Amino acid sequence: MRSRTHDEAMAELYRSDPALALDVINGILEDGDQAELLTVLRQLAQAFGGVQAVAEQAHLNPTQLYRTLSPKGNPALNSLTAILKAMGLRLAVQPLSTSGPPAHVA
């Protein structure tokens, strides 16, 4: 029996529990850890049929997607939104607090 890598195990877990994937991503976005976000997005790409399939759905070159999701990747916003959309997800902006109106930006 072949042992699975951590990424393979996480992809399988996210496939079986999509709500967990959302919770993990939202937690990472709250913390602001880009390297961790890229790791989870790679795992999600595997969960959603592999990098090749996600690249096709996101209209990205698979090599570009591998580089974008690498530990040193720095995805542009349009790439990130395309990747998330290919996985049936999207970014959303929410207020930090529900008490009172948002702070005025000068």
PDB file of N, CA and C in Angstrom:
ATOM      1  N   MET A   1       0.836  -1.176   0.000  1.00  0.00           N
ATOM      2  CA  MET A   1       0.000   0.000   0.000  1.00  0.00           C
ATOM      3  C   MET A   1       0.885   1.246   0.000  1.00  0.00           C
ATOM      4  N   ARG A   2       0.637   2.133  -0.934  1.00  0.00           N
ATOM      5  CA  ARG A   2       1.404   3.366  -1.072  1.00  0.00           C
ATOM      6  C   ARG A   2       0.925   4.377  -0.034  1.00  0.00           C
ATOM      7  N   SER A   3       1.861   5.036   0.619  1.00  0.00           N
ATOM      8  CA  SER A   3       1.472   6.063   1.586  1.00  0.00           C
ATOM      9  C   SER A   3       1.173   7.367   0.842  1.00  0.00           C
ATOM     10  N   ARG A   4       0.268   8.143   1.411  1.00  0.00           N
ATOM     11  CA  ARG A   4      -0.117   9.412   0.795  1.00  0.00           C
ATOM     12  C   ARG A   4       0.722  10.547   1.368  1.00  0.00           C
ATOM     13  N   THR A   5       0.919  11.561   0.547  1.00  0.00           N
ATOM     14  CA  THR A   5       1.578  12.767   1.040  1.00  0.00           C
ATOM     15  C   THR A   5       0.558  13.568   1.841  1.00  0.00           C
ATOM     16  N   HIS A   6       1.055  14.518   2.589  1.00  0.00           N
ATOM     17  CA  HIS A   6       0.167  15.395   3.359  1.00  0.00           C
ATOM     18  C   HIS A   6      -0.794  16.130   2.424  1.00  0.00           C
ATOM     19  N   ASP A   7      -0.274  16.639   1.295  1.00  0.00           N
ATOM     20  CA  ASP A   7      -1.128  17.356   0.345  1.00  0.00           C
ATOM     21  C   ASP A   7      -2.223  16.453  -0.211  1.00  0.00           C
ATOM     22  N   GLU A   8      -1.888  15.200  -0.512  1.00  0.00           N
ATOM     23  CA  GLU A   8      -2.898  14.259  -1.019  1.00  0.00           C
ATOM     24  C   GLU A   8      -3.967  13.993   0.033  1.00  0.00           C
ATOM     25  N   ALA A   9      -3.546  13.840   1.274  1.00  0.00           N
ATOM     26  CA  ALA A   9      -4.505  13.594   2.358  1.00  0.00           C
ATOM     27  C   ALA A   9      -5.417  14.798   2.555  1.00  0.00           C
ATOM     28  N   MET A  10      -4.853  15.998   2.494  1.00  0.00           N
ATOM     29  CA  MET A  10      -5.665  17.203   2.663  1.00  0.00           C
ATOM     30  C   MET A  10      -6.620  17.384   1.490  1.00  0.00           C
ATOM     31  N   ALA A  11      -6.169  17.095   0.267  1.00  0.00           N
ATOM     32  CA  ALA A  11      -7.050  17.192  -0.899  1.00  0.00           C
ATOM     33  C   ALA A  11      -8.236  16.251  -0.738  1.00  0.00           C
ATOM     34  N   GLU A  12      -7.971  15.044  -0.273  1.00  0.00           N
ATOM     35  CA  GLU A  12      -9.049  14.077  -0.048  1.00  0.00           C
ATOM     36  C   GLU A  12     -10.014  14.582   1.029  1.00  0.00           C
ATOM     37  N   LEU A  13      -9.479  15.157   2.079  1.00  0.00           N
ATOM     38  CA  LEU A  13     -10.308  15.695   3.154  1.00  0.00           C
ATOM     39  C   LEU A  13     -11.176  16.843   2.642  1.00  0.00           C
ATOM     40  N   TYR A  14     -10.600  17.750   1.858  1.00  0.00           N
ATOM     41  CA  TYR A  14     -11.362  18.876   1.309  1.00  0.00           C
ATOM     42  C   TYR A  14     -12.427  18.405   0.324  1.00  0.00           C
ATOM     43  N   ARG A  15     -12.125  17.349  -0.428  1.00  0.00           N
ATOM     44  CA  ARG A  15     -13.120  16.777  -1.348  1.00  0.00           C
ATOM     45  C   ARG A  15     -14.321  16.262  -0.568  1.00  0.00           C
ATOM     46  N   SER A  16     -14.043  15.621   0.561  1.00  0.00           N
ATOM     47  CA  SER A  16     -15.127  15.024   1.343  1.00  0.00           C
ATOM     48  C   SER A  16     -15.832  16.040   2.239  1.00  0.00           C
ATOM     49  N   ASP A  17     -15.199  17.180   2.510  1.00  0.00           N
ATOM     50  CA  ASP A  17     -15.788  18.187   3.397  1.00  0.00           C
ATOM     51  C   ASP A  17     -15.479  19.594   2.877  1.00  0.00           C
ATOM     52  N   PRO A  18     -16.201  20.039   1.821  1.00  0.00           N
ATOM     53  CA  PRO A  18     -15.938  21.362   1.245  1.00  0.00           C
ATOM     54  C   PRO A  18     -16.094  22.504   2.250  1.00  0.00           C
ATOM     55  N   ALA A  19     -16.980  22.348   3.234  1.00  0.00           N
ATOM     56  CA  ALA A  19     -17.161  23.403   4.239  1.00  0.00           C
ATOM     57  C   ALA A  19     -15.876  23.608   5.042  1.00  0.00           C
ATOM     58  N   LEU A  20     -15.155  22.540   5.287  1.00  0.00           N
ATOM     59  CA  LEU A  20     -13.877  22.639   5.991  1.00  0.00           C
ATOM     60  C   LEU A  20     -12.898  23.477   5.176  1.00  0.00           C
ATOM     61  N   ALA A  21     -12.862  23.241   3.876  1.00  0.00           N
ATOM     62  CA  ALA A  21     -11.967  24.005   3.003  1.00  0.00           C
ATOM     63  C   ALA A  21     -12.276  25.498   3.102  1.00  0.00           C
ATOM     64  N   LEU A  22     -13.552  25.846   3.103  1.00  0.00           N
ATOM     65  CA  LEU A  22     -13.932  27.256   3.215  1.00  0.00           C
ATOM     66  C   LEU A  22     -13.488  27.841   4.549  1.00  0.00           C
ATOM     67  N   ASP A  23     -13.696  27.096   5.617  1.00  0.00           N
ATOM     68  CA  ASP A  23     -13.278  27.566   6.938  1.00  0.00           C
ATOM     69  C   ASP A  23     -11.768  27.775   6.998  1.00  0.00           C
ATOM     70  N   VAL A  24     -11.028  26.843   6.418  1.00  0.00           N
ATOM     71  CA  VAL A  24      -9.565  26.942   6.432  1.00  0.00           C
ATOM     72  C   VAL A  24      -9.116  28.167   5.636  1.00  0.00           C
ATOM     73  N   ILE A  25      -9.656  28.353   4.443  1.00  0.00           N
ATOM     74  CA  ILE A  25      -9.277  29.503   3.611  1.00  0.00           C
ATOM     75  C   ILE A  25      -9.625  30.807   4.317  1.00  0.00           C
ATOM     76  N   ASN A  26     -10.830  30.904   4.863  1.00  0.00           N
ATOM     77  CA  ASN A  26     -11.222  32.139   5.544  1.00  0.00           C
ATOM     78  C   ASN A  26     -10.334  32.417   6.750  1.00  0.00           C
ATOM     79  N   GLY A  27      -9.953  31.386   7.473  1.00  0.00           N
ATOM     80  CA  GLY A  27      -9.039  31.568   8.598  1.00  0.00           C
ATOM     81  C   GLY A  27      -7.684  32.071   8.149  1.00  0.00           C
ATOM     82  N   ILE A  28      -7.196  31.532   7.047  1.00  0.00           N
ATOM     83  CA  ILE A  28      -5.899  31.961   6.513  1.00  0.00           C
ATOM     84  C   ILE A  28      -5.978  33.410   6.043  1.00  0.00           C
ATOM     85  N   LEU A  29      -7.065  33.763   5.355  1.00  0.00           N
ATOM     86  CA  LEU A  29      -7.216  35.141   4.891  1.00  0.00           C
ATOM     87  C   LEU A  29      -7.279  36.109   6.069  1.00  0.00           C
ATOM     88  N   GLU A  30      -7.884  35.675   7.148  1.00  0.00           N
ATOM     89  CA  GLU A  30      -7.954  36.502   8.353  1.00  0.00           C
ATOM     90  C   GLU A  30      -6.561  36.718   8.940  1.00  0.00           C
ATOM     91  N   ASP A  31      -5.739  35.672   8.924  1.00  0.00           N
ATOM     92  CA  ASP A  31      -4.380  35.757   9.467  1.00  0.00           C
ATOM     93  C   ASP A  31      -3.411  36.448   8.511  1.00  0.00           C
ATOM     94  N   GLY A  32      -3.695  36.384   7.201  1.00  0.00           N
ATOM     95  CA  GLY A  32      -2.848  37.025   6.214  1.00  0.00           C
ATOM     96  C   GLY A  32      -1.592  36.265   5.846  1.00  0.00           C
ATOM     97  N   ASP A  33      -1.570  34.954   6.020  1.00  0.00           N
ATOM     98  CA  ASP A  33      -0.388  34.150   5.713  1.00  0.00           C
ATOM     99  C   ASP A  33      -0.457  33.667   4.264  1.00  0.00           C
ATOM    100  N   GLN A  34       0.236  34.382   3.360  1.00  0.00           N
ATOM    101  CA  GLN A  34       0.159  34.068   1.935  1.00  0.00           C
ATOM    102  C   GLN A  34       0.719  32.693   1.610  1.00  0.00           C
ATOM    103  N   ALA A  35       1.817  32.312   2.228  1.00  0.00           N
ATOM    104  CA  ALA A  35       2.411  31.000   1.945  1.00  0.00           C
ATOM    105  C   ALA A  35       1.435  29.888   2.309  1.00  0.00           C
ATOM    106  N   GLU A  36       0.767  30.045   3.438  1.00  0.00           N
ATOM    107  CA  GLU A  36      -0.211  29.038   3.856  1.00  0.00           C
ATOM    108  C   GLU A  36      -1.402  29.014   2.901  1.00  0.00           C
ATOM    109  N   LEU A  37      -1.838  30.195   2.443  1.00  0.00           N
ATOM    110  CA  LEU A  37      -2.941  30.262   1.483  1.00  0.00           C
ATOM    111  C   LEU A  37      -2.579  29.521   0.203  1.00  0.00           C
ATOM    112  N   LEU A  38      -1.364  29.719  -0.294  1.00  0.00           N
ATOM    113  CA  LEU A  38      -0.941  29.051  -1.526  1.00  0.00           C
ATOM    114  C   LEU A  38      -0.888  27.540  -1.344  1.00  0.00           C
ATOM    115  N   THR A  39      -0.463  27.090  -0.168  1.00  0.00           N
ATOM    116  CA  THR A  39      -0.441  25.653   0.122  1.00  0.00           C
ATOM    117  C   THR A  39      -1.846  25.075   0.054  1.00  0.00           C
ATOM    118  N   VAL A  40      -2.792  25.739   0.701  1.00  0.00           N
ATOM    119  CA  VAL A  40      -4.174  25.242   0.705  1.00  0.00           C
ATOM    120  C   VAL A  40      -4.774  25.310  -0.695  1.00  0.00           C
ATOM    121  N   LEU A  41      -4.470  26.349  -1.456  1.00  0.00           N
ATOM    122  CA  LEU A  41      -4.986  26.427  -2.827  1.00  0.00           C
ATOM    123  C   LEU A  41      -4.424  25.303  -3.692  1.00  0.00           C
ATOM    124  N   ARG A  42      -3.155  24.933  -3.483  1.00  0.00           N
ATOM    125  CA  ARG A  42      -2.590  23.777  -4.210  1.00  0.00           C
ATOM    126  C   ARG A  42      -3.349  22.511  -3.837  1.00  0.00           C
ATOM    127  N   GLN A  43      -3.605  22.332  -2.546  1.00  0.00           N
ATOM    128  CA  GLN A  43      -4.344  21.153  -2.089  1.00  0.00           C
ATOM    129  C   GLN A  43      -5.760  21.148  -2.659  1.00  0.00           C
ATOM    130  N   LEU A  44      -6.388  22.310  -2.702  1.00  0.00           N
ATOM    131  CA  LEU A  44      -7.735  22.399  -3.275  1.00  0.00           C
ATOM    132  C   LEU A  44      -7.720  22.110  -4.771  1.00  0.00           C
ATOM    133  N   ALA A  45      -6.676  22.571  -5.456  1.00  0.00           N
ATOM    134  CA  ALA A  45      -6.571  22.270  -6.887  1.00  0.00           C
ATOM    135  C   ALA A  45      -6.543  20.759  -7.096  1.00  0.00           C
ATOM    136  N   GLN A  46      -5.806  20.046  -6.243  1.00  0.00           N
ATOM    137  CA  GLN A  46      -5.787  18.581  -6.334  1.00  0.00           C
ATOM    138  C   GLN A  46      -7.170  18.008  -6.041  1.00  0.00           C
ATOM    139  N   ALA A  47      -7.860  18.592  -5.072  1.00  0.00           N
ATOM    140  CA  ALA A  47      -9.195  18.114  -4.718  1.00  0.00           C
ATOM    141  C   ALA A  47     -10.192  18.340  -5.847  1.00  0.00           C
ATOM    142  N   PHE A  48      -9.968  19.374  -6.655  1.00  0.00           N
ATOM    143  CA  PHE A  48     -10.883  19.706  -7.738  1.00  0.00           C
ATOM    144  C   PHE A  48     -10.411  19.172  -9.085  1.00  0.00           C
ATOM    145  N   GLY A  49      -9.728  18.051  -9.088  1.00  0.00           N
ATOM    146  CA  GLY A  49      -9.373  17.396 -10.342  1.00  0.00           C
ATOM    147  C   GLY A  49      -7.942  17.582 -10.788  1.00  0.00           C
ATOM    148  N   GLY A  50      -7.138  18.290 -10.020  1.00  0.00           N
ATOM    149  CA  GLY A  50      -5.739  18.473 -10.361  1.00  0.00           C
ATOM    150  C   GLY A  50      -5.455  19.843 -10.945  1.00  0.00           C
ATOM    151  N   VAL A  51      -4.191  20.203 -10.933  1.00  0.00           N
ATOM    152  CA  VAL A  51      -3.776  21.521 -11.404  1.00  0.00           C
ATOM    153  C   VAL A  51      -4.127  21.706 -12.877  1.00  0.00           C
ATOM    154  N   GLN A  52      -3.949  20.667 -13.680  1.00  0.00           N
ATOM    155  CA  GLN A  52      -4.260  20.756 -15.115  1.00  0.00           C
ATOM    156  C   GLN A  52      -5.724  21.138 -15.327  1.00  0.00           C
ATOM    157  N   ALA A  53      -6.640  20.467 -14.638  1.00  0.00           N
ATOM    158  CA  ALA A  53      -8.076  20.734 -14.788  1.00  0.00           C
ATOM    159  C   ALA A  53      -8.429  22.134 -14.305  1.00  0.00           C
ATOM    160  N   VAL A  54      -7.885  22.534 -13.168  1.00  0.00           N
ATOM    161  CA  VAL A  54      -8.165  23.875 -12.642  1.00  0.00           C
ATOM    162  C   VAL A  54      -7.595  24.932 -13.582  1.00  0.00           C
ATOM    163  N   ALA A  55      -6.402  24.702 -14.115  1.00  0.00           N
ATOM    164  CA  ALA A  55      -5.795  25.647 -15.057  1.00  0.00           C
ATOM    165  C   ALA A  55      -6.679  25.826 -16.286  1.00  0.00           C
ATOM    166  N   GLU A  56      -7.188  24.730 -16.820  1.00  0.00           N
ATOM    167  CA  GLU A  56      -8.067  24.821 -17.987  1.00  0.00           C
ATOM    168  C   GLU A  56      -9.318  25.623 -17.664  1.00  0.00           C
ATOM    169  N   GLN A  57      -9.941  25.342 -16.525  1.00  0.00           N
ATOM    170  CA  GLN A  57     -11.165  26.049 -16.150  1.00  0.00           C
ATOM    171  C   GLN A  57     -10.896  27.524 -15.841  1.00  0.00           C
ATOM    172  N   ALA A  58      -9.704  27.828 -15.339  1.00  0.00           N
ATOM    173  CA  ALA A  58      -9.343  29.208 -15.009  1.00  0.00           C
ATOM    174  C   ALA A  58      -8.750  29.945 -16.209  1.00  0.00           C
ATOM    175  N   HIS A  59      -8.608  29.248 -17.336  1.00  0.00           N
ATOM    176  CA  HIS A  59      -8.008  29.801 -18.552  1.00  0.00           C
ATOM    177  C   HIS A  59      -6.582  30.283 -18.284  1.00  0.00           C
ATOM    178  N   LEU A  60      -5.841  29.449 -17.558  1.00  0.00           N
ATOM    179  CA  LEU A  60      -4.438  29.729 -17.266  1.00  0.00           C
ATOM    180  C   LEU A  60      -3.576  28.601 -17.812  1.00  0.00           C
ATOM    181  N   ASN A  61      -2.345  28.917 -18.097  1.00  0.00           N
ATOM    182  CA  ASN A  61      -1.376  27.913 -18.500  1.00  0.00           C
ATOM    183  C   ASN A  61      -1.055  27.063 -17.269  1.00  0.00           C
ATOM    184  N   PRO A  62      -1.077  25.723 -17.381  1.00  0.00           N
ATOM    185  CA  PRO A  62      -0.784  24.885 -16.214  1.00  0.00           C
ATOM    186  C   PRO A  62       0.560  25.204 -15.557  1.00  0.00           C
ATOM    187  N   THR A  63       1.585  25.497 -16.355  1.00  0.00           N
ATOM    188  CA  THR A  63       2.889  25.851 -15.796  1.00  0.00           C
ATOM    189  C   THR A  63       2.783  27.132 -14.984  1.00  0.00           C
ATOM    190  N   GLN A  64       2.029  28.093 -15.513  1.00  0.00           N
ATOM    191  CA  GLN A  64       1.813  29.349 -14.793  1.00  0.00           C
ATOM    192  C   GLN A  64       1.091  29.085 -13.471  1.00  0.00           C
ATOM    193  N   LEU A  65       0.111  28.193 -13.488  1.00  0.00           N
ATOM    194  CA  LEU A  65      -0.631  27.893 -12.264  1.00  0.00           C
ATOM    195  C   LEU A  65       0.273  27.211 -11.238  1.00  0.00           C
ATOM    196  N   TYR A  66       1.104  26.267 -11.686  1.00  0.00           N
ATOM    197  CA  TYR A  66       2.061  25.632 -10.765  1.00  0.00           C
ATOM    198  C   TYR A  66       2.950  26.690 -10.112  1.00  0.00           C
ATOM    199  N   ARG A  67       3.451  27.630 -10.920  1.00  0.00           N
ATOM    200  CA  ARG A  67       4.319  28.684 -10.380  1.00  0.00           C
ATOM    201  C   ARG A  67       3.546  29.605  -9.437  1.00  0.00           C
ATOM    202  N   THR A  68       2.329  29.951  -9.829  1.00  0.00           N
ATOM    203  CA  THR A  68       1.499  30.837  -9.015  1.00  0.00           C
ATOM    204  C   THR A  68       1.229  30.242  -7.645  1.00  0.00           C
ATOM    205  N   LEU A  69       0.997  28.927  -7.599  1.00  0.00           N
ATOM    206  CA  LEU A  69       0.661  28.261  -6.347  1.00  0.00           C
ATOM    207  C   LEU A  69       1.879  27.686  -5.628  1.00  0.00           C
ATOM    208  N   SER A  70       3.071  27.966  -6.162  1.00  0.00           N
ATOM    209  CA  SER A  70       4.285  27.479  -5.506  1.00  0.00           C
ATOM    210  C   SER A  70       4.511  28.268  -4.215  1.00  0.00           C
ATOM    211  N   PRO A  71       5.342  27.751  -3.320  1.00  0.00           N
ATOM    212  CA  PRO A  71       5.596  28.470  -2.062  1.00  0.00           C
ATOM    213  C   PRO A  71       6.095  29.904  -2.259  1.00  0.00           C
ATOM    214  N   LYS A  72       6.762  30.172  -3.379  1.00  0.00           N
ATOM    215  CA  LYS A  72       7.243  31.528  -3.653  1.00  0.00           C
ATOM    216  C   LYS A  72       6.325  32.281  -4.607  1.00  0.00           C
ATOM    217  N   GLY A  73       5.152  31.723  -4.885  1.00  0.00           N
ATOM    218  CA  GLY A  73       4.207  32.357  -5.795  1.00  0.00           C
ATOM    219  C   GLY A  73       3.687  33.676  -5.249  1.00  0.00           C
ATOM    220  N   ASN A  74       3.292  34.538  -6.158  1.00  0.00           N
ATOM    221  CA  ASN A  74       2.721  35.831  -5.788  1.00  0.00           C
ATOM    222  C   ASN A  74       1.595  36.121  -6.773  1.00  0.00           C
ATOM    223  N   PRO A  75       0.449  35.455  -6.587  1.00  0.00           N
ATOM    224  CA  PRO A  75      -0.613  35.562  -7.581  1.00  0.00           C
ATOM    225  C   PRO A  75      -1.199  36.968  -7.678  1.00  0.00           C
ATOM    226  N   ALA A  76      -1.422  37.390  -8.910  1.00  0.00           N
ATOM    227  CA  ALA A  76      -2.138  38.641  -9.146  1.00  0.00           C
ATOM    228  C   ALA A  76      -3.604  38.408  -8.787  1.00  0.00           C
ATOM    229  N   LEU A  77      -4.308  39.475  -8.474  1.00  0.00           N
ATOM    230  CA  LEU A  77      -5.704  39.354  -8.068  1.00  0.00           C
ATOM    231  C   LEU A  77      -6.537  38.673  -9.147  1.00  0.00           C
ATOM    232  N   ASN A  78      -6.303  39.015 -10.423  1.00  0.00           N
ATOM    233  CA  ASN A  78      -7.095  38.391 -11.488  1.00  0.00           C
ATOM    234  C   ASN A  78      -6.818  36.893 -11.589  1.00  0.00           C
ATOM    235  N   SER A  79      -5.587  36.473 -11.336  1.00  0.00           N
ATOM    236  CA  SER A  79      -5.279  35.035 -11.333  1.00  0.00           C
ATOM    237  C   SER A  79      -5.942  34.351 -10.150  1.00  0.00           C
ATOM    238  N   LEU A  80      -5.863  34.979  -8.985  1.00  0.00           N
ATOM    239  CA  LEU A  80      -6.465  34.398  -7.787  1.00  0.00           C
ATOM    240  C   LEU A  80      -7.972  34.245  -7.949  1.00  0.00           C
ATOM    241  N   THR A  81      -8.634  35.263  -8.481  1.00  0.00           N
ATOM    242  CA  THR A  81     -10.086  35.159  -8.657  1.00  0.00           C
ATOM    243  C   THR A  81     -10.436  34.106  -9.703  1.00  0.00           C
ATOM    244  N   ALA A  82      -9.630  33.984 -10.757  1.00  0.00           N
ATOM    245  CA  ALA A  82      -9.882  32.956 -11.775  1.00  0.00           C
ATOM    246  C   ALA A  82      -9.700  31.554 -11.200  1.00  0.00           C
ATOM    247  N   ILE A  83      -8.674  31.373 -10.377  1.00  0.00           N
ATOM    248  CA  ILE A  83      -8.420  30.069  -9.751  1.00  0.00           C
ATOM    249  C   ILE A  83      -9.572  29.705  -8.827  1.00  0.00           C
ATOM    250  N   LEU A  84      -9.968  30.651  -7.983  1.00  0.00           N
ATOM    251  CA  LEU A  84     -11.079  30.390  -7.061  1.00  0.00           C
ATOM    252  C   LEU A  84     -12.368  30.101  -7.819  1.00  0.00           C
ATOM    253  N   LYS A  85     -12.635  30.866  -8.876  1.00  0.00           N
ATOM    254  CA  LYS A  85     -13.850  30.655  -9.670  1.00  0.00           C
ATOM    255  C   LYS A  85     -13.854  29.258 -10.287  1.00  0.00           C
ATOM    256  N   ALA A  86     -12.700  28.798 -10.749  1.00  0.00           N
ATOM    257  CA  ALA A  86     -12.600  27.457 -11.334  1.00  0.00           C
ATOM    258  C   ALA A  86     -12.944  26.379 -10.316  1.00  0.00           C
ATOM    259  N   MET A  87     -12.783  26.714  -9.025  1.00  0.00           N
ATOM    260  CA  MET A  87     -13.091  25.764  -7.958  1.00  0.00           C
ATOM    261  C   MET A  87     -14.453  26.047  -7.326  1.00  0.00           C
ATOM    262  N   GLY A  88     -15.223  26.942  -7.959  1.00  0.00           N
ATOM    263  CA  GLY A  88     -16.554  27.257  -7.448  1.00  0.00           C
ATOM    264  C   GLY A  88     -16.543  28.163  -6.231  1.00  0.00           C
ATOM    265  N   LEU A  89     -15.473  28.941  -6.074  1.00  0.00           N
ATOM    266  CA  LEU A  89     -15.323  29.825  -4.920  1.00  0.00           C
ATOM    267  C   LEU A  89     -15.116  31.255  -5.390  1.00  0.00           C
ATOM    268  N   ARG A  90     -15.212  32.208  -4.451  1.00  0.00           N
ATOM    269  CA  ARG A  90     -14.930  33.605  -4.769  1.00  0.00           C
ATOM    270  C   ARG A  90     -14.444  34.325  -3.523  1.00  0.00           C
ATOM    271  N   LEU A  91     -13.746  35.419  -3.746  1.00  0.00           N
ATOM    272  CA  LEU A  91     -13.326  36.284  -2.644  1.00  0.00           C
ATOM    273  C   LEU A  91     -14.488  37.196  -2.286  1.00  0.00           C
ATOM    274  N   ALA A  92     -14.573  37.573  -1.031  1.00  0.00           N
ATOM    275  CA  ALA A  92     -15.597  38.513  -0.590  1.00  0.00           C
ATOM    276  C   ALA A  92     -14.974  39.463   0.423  1.00  0.00           C
ATOM    277  N   VAL A  93     -15.482  40.680   0.451  1.00  0.00           N
ATOM    278  CA  VAL A  93     -15.019  41.672   1.407  1.00  0.00           C
ATOM    279  C   VAL A  93     -16.094  41.834   2.469  1.00  0.00           C
ATOM    280  N   GLN A  94     -15.671  41.800   3.721  1.00  0.00           N
ATOM    281  CA  GLN A  94     -16.598  41.946   4.835  1.00  0.00           C
ATOM    282  C   GLN A  94     -16.003  42.922   5.832  1.00  0.00           C
ATOM    283  N   PRO A  95     -16.866  43.622   6.569  1.00  0.00           N
ATOM    284  CA  PRO A  95     -16.326  44.527   7.589  1.00  0.00           C
ATOM    285  C   PRO A  95     -15.629  43.737   8.692  1.00  0.00           C
ATOM    286  N   LEU A  96     -14.630  44.337   9.295  1.00  0.00           N
ATOM    287  CA  LEU A  96     -13.927  43.682  10.397  1.00  0.00           C
ATOM    288  C   LEU A  96     -14.829  43.525  11.606  1.00  0.00           C
ATOM    289  N   SER A  97     -15.732  44.476  11.785  1.00  0.00           N
ATOM    290  CA  SER A  97     -16.632  44.446  12.926  1.00  0.00           C
ATOM    291  C   SER A  97     -18.031  44.791  12.454  1.00  0.00           C
ATOM    292  N   THR A  98     -19.019  44.221  13.082  1.00  0.00           N
ATOM    293  CA  THR A  98     -20.400  44.530  12.707  1.00  0.00           C
ATOM    294  C   THR A  98     -20.956  45.680  13.535  1.00  0.00           C
ATOM    295  N   SER A  99     -20.163  46.230  14.453  1.00  0.00           N
ATOM    296  CA  SER A  99     -20.634  47.342  15.269  1.00  0.00           C
ATOM    297  C   SER A  99     -20.230  48.663  14.631  1.00  0.00           C
ATOM    298  N   GLY A 100     -21.194  49.391  14.148  1.00  0.00           N
ATOM    299  CA  GLY A 100     -20.956  50.703  13.575  1.00  0.00           C
ATOM    300  C   GLY A 100     -20.575  50.664  12.110  1.00  0.00           C
ATOM    301  N   PRO A 101     -20.564  51.843  11.491  1.00  0.00           N
ATOM    302  CA  PRO A 101     -20.228  51.934  10.063  1.00  0.00           C
ATOM    303  C   PRO A 101     -18.735  51.728   9.844  1.00  0.00           C
ATOM    304  N   PRO A 102     -18.354  51.402   8.611  1.00  0.00           N
ATOM    305  CA  PRO A 102     -16.930  51.237   8.313  1.00  0.00           C
ATOM    306  C   PRO A 102     -16.180  52.549   8.551  1.00  0.00           C
ATOM    307  N   ALA A 103     -14.915  52.426   8.865  1.00  0.00           N
ATOM    308  CA  ALA A 103     -14.085  53.613   9.093  1.00  0.00           C
ATOM    309  C   ALA A 103     -13.989  54.431   7.822  1.00  0.00           C
ATOM    310  N   HIS A 104     -13.951  55.736   7.976  1.00  0.00           N
ATOM    311  CA  HIS A 104     -13.823  56.638   6.831  1.00  0.00           C
ATOM    312  C   HIS A 104     -12.379  56.615   6.331  1.00  0.00           C
ATOM    313  N   VAL A 105     -12.237  56.454   5.043  1.00  0.00           N
ATOM    314  CA  VAL A 105     -10.907  56.452   4.440  1.00  0.00           C
ATOM    315  C   VAL A 105     -10.687  57.808   3.804  1.00  0.00           C
ATOM    316  N   ALA A 106      -9.627  58.500   4.199  1.00  0.00           N
ATOM    317  CA  ALA A 106      -9.357  59.847   3.678  1.00  0.00           C
ATOM    318  C   ALA A 106      -8.518  59.773   2.439  1.00  0.00           C
TER     319      ALA A 106
END
